């Protein structure tokens, strides 16, 4: 079966709350070129990057490879649903990661959790404000809703430099598609790449460098699903109530409450 395409992330995202920022990111051509569509970047939220790293020395960031070149004045931008987790969720995560490490020892657990509604795209600094204003208008009428994310899946990013273990959404897919269609319309206004046509909505739990999906699928995946299915109160635990949408651009965050 085809492996679900992972959400396209940028490797100039900020390290959680650590303050190590990926301020400027990589970018589109000059405005005079008519802003053609950009290739989808690769990487992951939570990657530390120096403020204005102009070199692409991959040894400095864990072997990660940039999906597009860094340029001053360009901001990696990502629209997503932030996910607050309970203590029990972290216990389940620990069980899953320790089991999966028997198959891929280099797996690292995510430190923050979210569900992507866009690829990571690149905005010029002066586009950020109108972009956010347009998002705010389009997302204003959305009600709160919940998802159940309980299906363990293996993902790779588009250029196969990373592998992820995630929990795919089994309930709430329709509302997510509605949100994505609004976000897509904003992206189109700015000539930016829209989301994947048939997305696998998911919350990433752990990642490693390289394409190690072959080791994680099959037996490992079945064992991980058994852990999820057998975890106490897993049905309640994996039911996520979304309260807001967030847009992160460089080191700036914008929130859009759901009604």
Protein backbone atom coordinates (compact mmCIF):
# COMPACT_ATOMS: atom_id res chain seq x y z
CA UNK A 1 0.00 0.00 0.00
CA UNK A 2 1.15 3.53 -0.62
CA UNK A 3 2.63 5.14 2.45
CA UNK A 4 0.78 8.28 3.47
CA UNK A 5 2.73 11.41 2.60
CA UNK A 6 3.84 13.25 5.68
CA UNK A 7 2.96 16.85 6.25
CA UNK A 8 5.76 18.98 4.75
CA UNK A 9 7.64 20.59 7.60
CA UNK A 10 10.44 23.12 7.55
CA UNK A 11 13.71 22.56 9.37
CA UNK A 12 13.87 26.17 10.48
CA UNK A 13 11.16 25.75 13.04
CA UNK A 14 11.71 26.78 16.61
CA UNK A 15 12.78 24.40 19.36
CA UNK A 16 9.66 24.16 21.52
CA UNK A 17 9.92 26.67 24.37
CA UNK A 18 13.73 26.58 24.35
CA UNK A 19 14.05 29.97 22.72
CA UNK A 20 16.43 28.64 20.07
CA UNK A 21 14.74 30.30 17.15
CA UNK A 22 14.47 29.68 13.47
CA UNK A 23 13.68 33.29 12.70
CA UNK A 24 14.11 33.87 9.02
CA UNK A 25 13.51 30.86 6.87
CA UNK A 26 13.92 29.92 3.30
CA UNK A 27 12.33 31.57 0.44
CA UNK A 28 10.49 32.32 -2.67
CA UNK A 29 12.04 34.16 -5.61
CA UNK A 30 11.88 37.97 -5.82
CA UNK A 31 8.39 39.40 -6.15
CA UNK A 32 9.10 40.40 -9.75
CA UNK A 33 9.16 36.73 -10.74
CA UNK A 34 5.40 36.52 -10.17
CA UNK A 35 5.81 34.26 -7.13
CA UNK A 36 5.71 30.80 -8.73
CA UNK A 37 4.77 27.85 -6.53
CA UNK A 38 7.53 26.52 -4.32
CA UNK A 39 8.65 22.96 -3.77
CA UNK A 40 7.43 21.56 -0.46
CA UNK A 41 10.14 21.79 2.20
CA UNK A 42 11.09 18.98 4.50
CA UNK A 43 12.12 18.78 8.13
CA UNK A 44 10.22 19.03 11.36
CA UNK A 45 8.79 21.50 13.86
CA UNK A 46 11.00 21.67 16.91
CA UNK A 47 14.32 21.75 15.09
CA UNK A 48 16.79 24.21 16.57
CA UNK A 49 18.29 26.54 13.97
CA UNK A 50 20.55 29.52 14.49
CA UNK A 51 18.77 32.89 14.02
CA UNK A 52 20.31 33.69 10.65
CA UNK A 53 22.14 30.53 9.65
CA UNK A 54 23.49 31.23 6.22
CA UNK A 55 25.55 28.07 5.92
CA UNK A 56 23.98 24.70 5.23
CA UNK A 57 26.36 22.59 7.30
CA UNK A 58 24.16 19.56 7.94
CA UNK A 59 26.48 18.26 10.66
CA UNK A 60 25.31 21.20 12.78
CA UNK A 61 21.72 20.06 12.80
CA UNK A 62 21.68 16.32 13.25
CA UNK A 63 22.15 15.48 9.57
CA UNK A 64 18.96 17.23 8.57
CA UNK A 65 18.84 18.54 5.04
CA UNK A 66 17.04 21.75 4.19
CA UNK A 67 14.16 21.33 1.76
CA UNK A 68 14.88 24.76 0.25
CA UNK A 69 17.74 27.27 0.58
CA UNK A 70 17.86 29.75 3.44
CA UNK A 71 17.45 33.40 2.57
CA UNK A 72 17.15 36.49 4.75
CA UNK A 73 13.69 38.01 4.93
CA UNK A 74 11.85 34.73 4.31
CA UNK A 75 9.76 33.18 7.05
CA UNK A 76 8.87 29.49 7.34
CA UNK A 77 5.13 29.48 7.95
CA UNK A 78 2.89 26.63 9.13
CA UNK A 79 -0.83 26.44 10.04
CA UNK A 80 -1.79 23.76 12.56
CA UNK A 81 -3.93 22.70 15.50
CA UNK A 82 -1.88 22.71 18.71
CA UNK A 83 -2.49 19.68 20.90
CA UNK A 84 -2.26 19.84 24.70
CA UNK A 85 -1.64 16.40 26.14
CA UNK A 86 -2.31 14.79 29.50
CA UNK A 87 0.18 13.00 31.72
CA UNK A 88 -1.27 9.62 30.68
CA UNK A 89 -0.64 10.44 27.03
CA UNK A 90 3.06 10.88 27.84
CA UNK A 91 3.03 7.48 29.57
CA UNK A 92 1.54 5.91 26.43
CA UNK A 93 4.13 7.73 24.30
CA UNK A 94 6.94 6.35 26.47
CA UNK A 95 5.63 2.79 26.01
CA UNK A 96 5.35 3.23 22.25
CA UNK A 97 8.79 4.79 21.79
CA UNK A 98 10.57 2.21 23.95
CA UNK A 99 8.92 -0.64 22.00
CA UNK A 100 9.71 0.95 18.63
CA UNK A 101 13.36 1.48 19.64
CA UNK A 102 13.79 -2.28 19.53
CA UNK A 103 13.37 -1.83 15.75
CA UNK A 104 14.96 1.63 15.25
CA UNK A 105 17.22 2.65 18.11
CA UNK A 106 17.62 6.26 16.92
CA UNK A 107 13.93 7.17 17.39
CA UNK A 108 13.33 10.36 19.38
CA UNK A 109 10.00 11.28 20.99
CA UNK A 110 8.37 14.55 19.97
CA UNK A 111 8.30 17.19 22.70
CA UNK A 112 5.22 19.00 21.46
CA UNK A 113 2.23 17.78 19.51
CA UNK A 114 0.09 19.22 16.77
CA UNK A 115 -1.97 18.37 13.72
CA UNK A 116 -0.96 20.16 10.52
CA UNK A 117 -3.46 22.02 8.32
CA UNK A 118 -0.84 23.27 5.86
CA UNK A 119 2.55 22.34 4.53
CA UNK A 120 5.37 24.50 5.72
CA UNK A 121 5.47 27.36 3.21
CA UNK A 122 7.62 30.45 2.84
CA UNK A 123 6.36 34.00 3.33
CA UNK A 124 8.20 37.25 2.75
CA UNK A 125 8.19 39.28 5.95
CA UNK A 126 5.78 41.91 4.57
CA UNK A 127 3.26 39.21 3.60
CA UNK A 128 2.84 37.90 7.15
CA UNK A 129 0.31 40.49 8.33
CA UNK A 130 -2.06 40.26 5.33
CA UNK A 131 -1.71 36.45 5.37
CA UNK A 132 -2.73 36.28 9.04
CA UNK A 133 -5.57 38.76 8.50
CA UNK A 134 -6.91 36.64 5.66
CA UNK A 135 -6.68 33.47 7.78
CA UNK A 136 -8.49 35.18 10.65
CA UNK A 137 -11.40 36.16 8.37
CA UNK A 138 -11.75 32.71 6.85
CA UNK A 139 -11.47 30.79 10.13
CA UNK A 140 -13.70 33.07 12.24
CA UNK A 141 -16.89 31.03 11.85
CA UNK A 142 -15.52 27.58 12.78
CA UNK A 143 -16.92 25.79 15.82
CA UNK A 144 -14.90 23.67 18.21
CA UNK A 145 -14.84 19.99 17.39
CA UNK A 146 -13.01 16.87 18.47
CA UNK A 147 -10.97 14.19 16.76
CA UNK A 148 -10.05 10.68 17.73
CA UNK A 149 -6.43 9.91 16.77
CA UNK A 150 -5.93 6.22 17.48
CA UNK A 151 -4.44 4.54 14.39
CA UNK A 152 -0.66 4.09 14.51
CA UNK A 153 0.92 4.90 11.14
CA UNK A 154 4.42 5.29 9.73
CA UNK A 155 5.18 8.35 7.61
CA UNK A 156 8.13 9.70 5.68
CA UNK A 157 8.63 13.29 4.66
CA UNK A 158 8.57 14.09 0.96
CA UNK A 159 12.28 13.75 0.26
CA UNK A 160 12.62 10.67 2.47
CA UNK A 161 15.14 12.29 4.86
CA UNK A 162 13.00 11.51 7.90
CA UNK A 163 10.65 8.87 9.22
CA UNK A 164 7.86 9.46 11.74
CA UNK A 165 5.49 7.42 13.85
CA UNK A 166 2.14 9.14 14.18
CA UNK A 167 -1.42 8.63 15.32
CA UNK A 168 -3.84 9.02 12.41
CA UNK A 169 -7.26 10.55 12.91
CA UNK A 170 -10.18 8.10 12.64
CA UNK A 171 -12.94 10.56 13.69
CA UNK A 172 -13.13 14.23 12.73
CA UNK A 173 -11.67 13.85 9.23
CA UNK A 174 -14.55 15.77 7.63
CA UNK A 175 -14.14 18.86 9.85
CA UNK A 176 -10.39 18.82 9.23
CA UNK A 177 -10.98 18.78 5.46
CA UNK A 178 -13.30 21.79 5.84
CA UNK A 179 -10.60 23.68 7.76
CA UNK A 180 -7.94 22.76 5.22
CA UNK A 181 -10.10 24.00 2.35
CA UNK A 182 -10.28 27.45 4.01
CA UNK A 183 -6.54 27.50 4.73
CA UNK A 184 -5.90 26.39 1.12
CA UNK A 185 -7.86 29.38 -0.19
CA UNK A 186 -5.63 31.74 1.79
CA UNK A 187 -2.52 29.96 0.50
CA UNK A 188 -3.80 30.31 -3.06
CA UNK A 189 -4.26 34.07 -2.57
CA UNK A 190 -0.51 34.23 -1.85
CA UNK A 191 0.51 31.79 -4.61
CA UNK A 192 1.69 29.26 -2.03
CA UNK A 193 1.44 25.45 -2.21
CA UNK A 194 -1.82 24.08 -0.84
CA UNK A 195 -2.16 21.00 1.36
CA UNK A 196 -1.99 17.41 0.09
CA UNK A 197 -4.97 16.31 -1.97
CA UNK A 198 -5.83 13.24 0.11
CA UNK A 199 -4.24 13.98 3.45
CA UNK A 200 -3.61 11.55 6.28
CA UNK A 201 -4.33 13.79 9.26
CA UNK A 202 -2.15 12.76 12.16
CA UNK A 203 -0.28 13.74 15.29
CA UNK A 204 3.41 12.85 15.08
CA UNK A 205 4.79 11.06 18.14
CA UNK A 206 8.41 10.22 17.29
CA UNK A 207 10.92 10.64 14.47
CA UNK A 208 14.32 9.58 13.20
CA UNK A 209 16.69 10.67 10.46
CA UNK A 210 16.57 8.67 7.20
CA UNK A 211 13.92 6.47 5.59
CA UNK A 212 13.54 3.65 8.11
CA UNK A 213 9.88 2.99 7.36
CA UNK A 214 10.68 -0.56 6.25
CA UNK A 215 11.82 -1.46 9.78
CA UNK A 216 8.87 0.18 11.50
CA UNK A 217 6.07 -1.18 9.34
CA UNK A 218 4.69 -4.70 9.64
CA UNK A 219 5.56 -6.39 12.94
CA UNK A 220 6.61 -3.22 14.78
CA UNK A 221 3.50 -1.33 13.68
CA UNK A 222 1.23 -4.18 14.80
CA UNK A 223 2.88 -4.23 18.24
CA UNK A 224 2.48 -0.46 18.58
CA UNK A 225 -1.21 -0.63 17.62
CA UNK A 226 -1.70 -3.39 20.22
CA UNK A 227 -0.15 -1.11 22.88
CA UNK A 228 -2.51 1.74 21.89
CA UNK A 229 -5.60 -0.49 21.80
CA UNK A 230 -4.75 -2.06 25.15
CA UNK A 231 -3.85 1.14 26.99
CA UNK A 232 -6.18 2.02 29.86
CA UNK A 233 -8.86 4.54 28.82
CA UNK A 234 -7.20 4.86 25.41
CA UNK A 235 -10.52 5.80 23.77
CA UNK A 236 -10.88 8.85 26.05
CA UNK A 237 -7.19 9.62 26.05
CA UNK A 238 -6.94 9.84 22.25
CA UNK A 239 -10.02 12.03 21.88
CA UNK A 240 -8.68 15.53 21.26
CA UNK A 241 -10.86 18.62 21.66
CA UNK A 242 -9.49 21.43 19.46
CA UNK A 243 -9.86 24.92 20.88
CA UNK A 244 -7.77 27.01 18.53
CA UNK A 245 -5.90 27.07 15.25
CA UNK A 246 -2.38 28.44 15.25
CA UNK A 247 -0.11 29.92 12.61
CA UNK A 248 3.62 30.05 13.25
CA UNK A 249 5.70 32.29 11.01
CA UNK A 250 9.42 32.33 11.82
CA UNK A 251 9.39 33.01 15.56
CA UNK A 252 5.94 34.63 15.67
CA UNK A 253 2.76 32.82 16.74
CA UNK A 254 -0.82 33.80 15.85
CA UNK A 255 -3.90 32.15 17.39
CA UNK A 256 -7.40 31.83 15.97
CA UNK A 257 -9.91 30.60 18.56
CA UNK A 258 -12.59 28.14 17.48
CA UNK A 259 -16.06 29.16 18.65
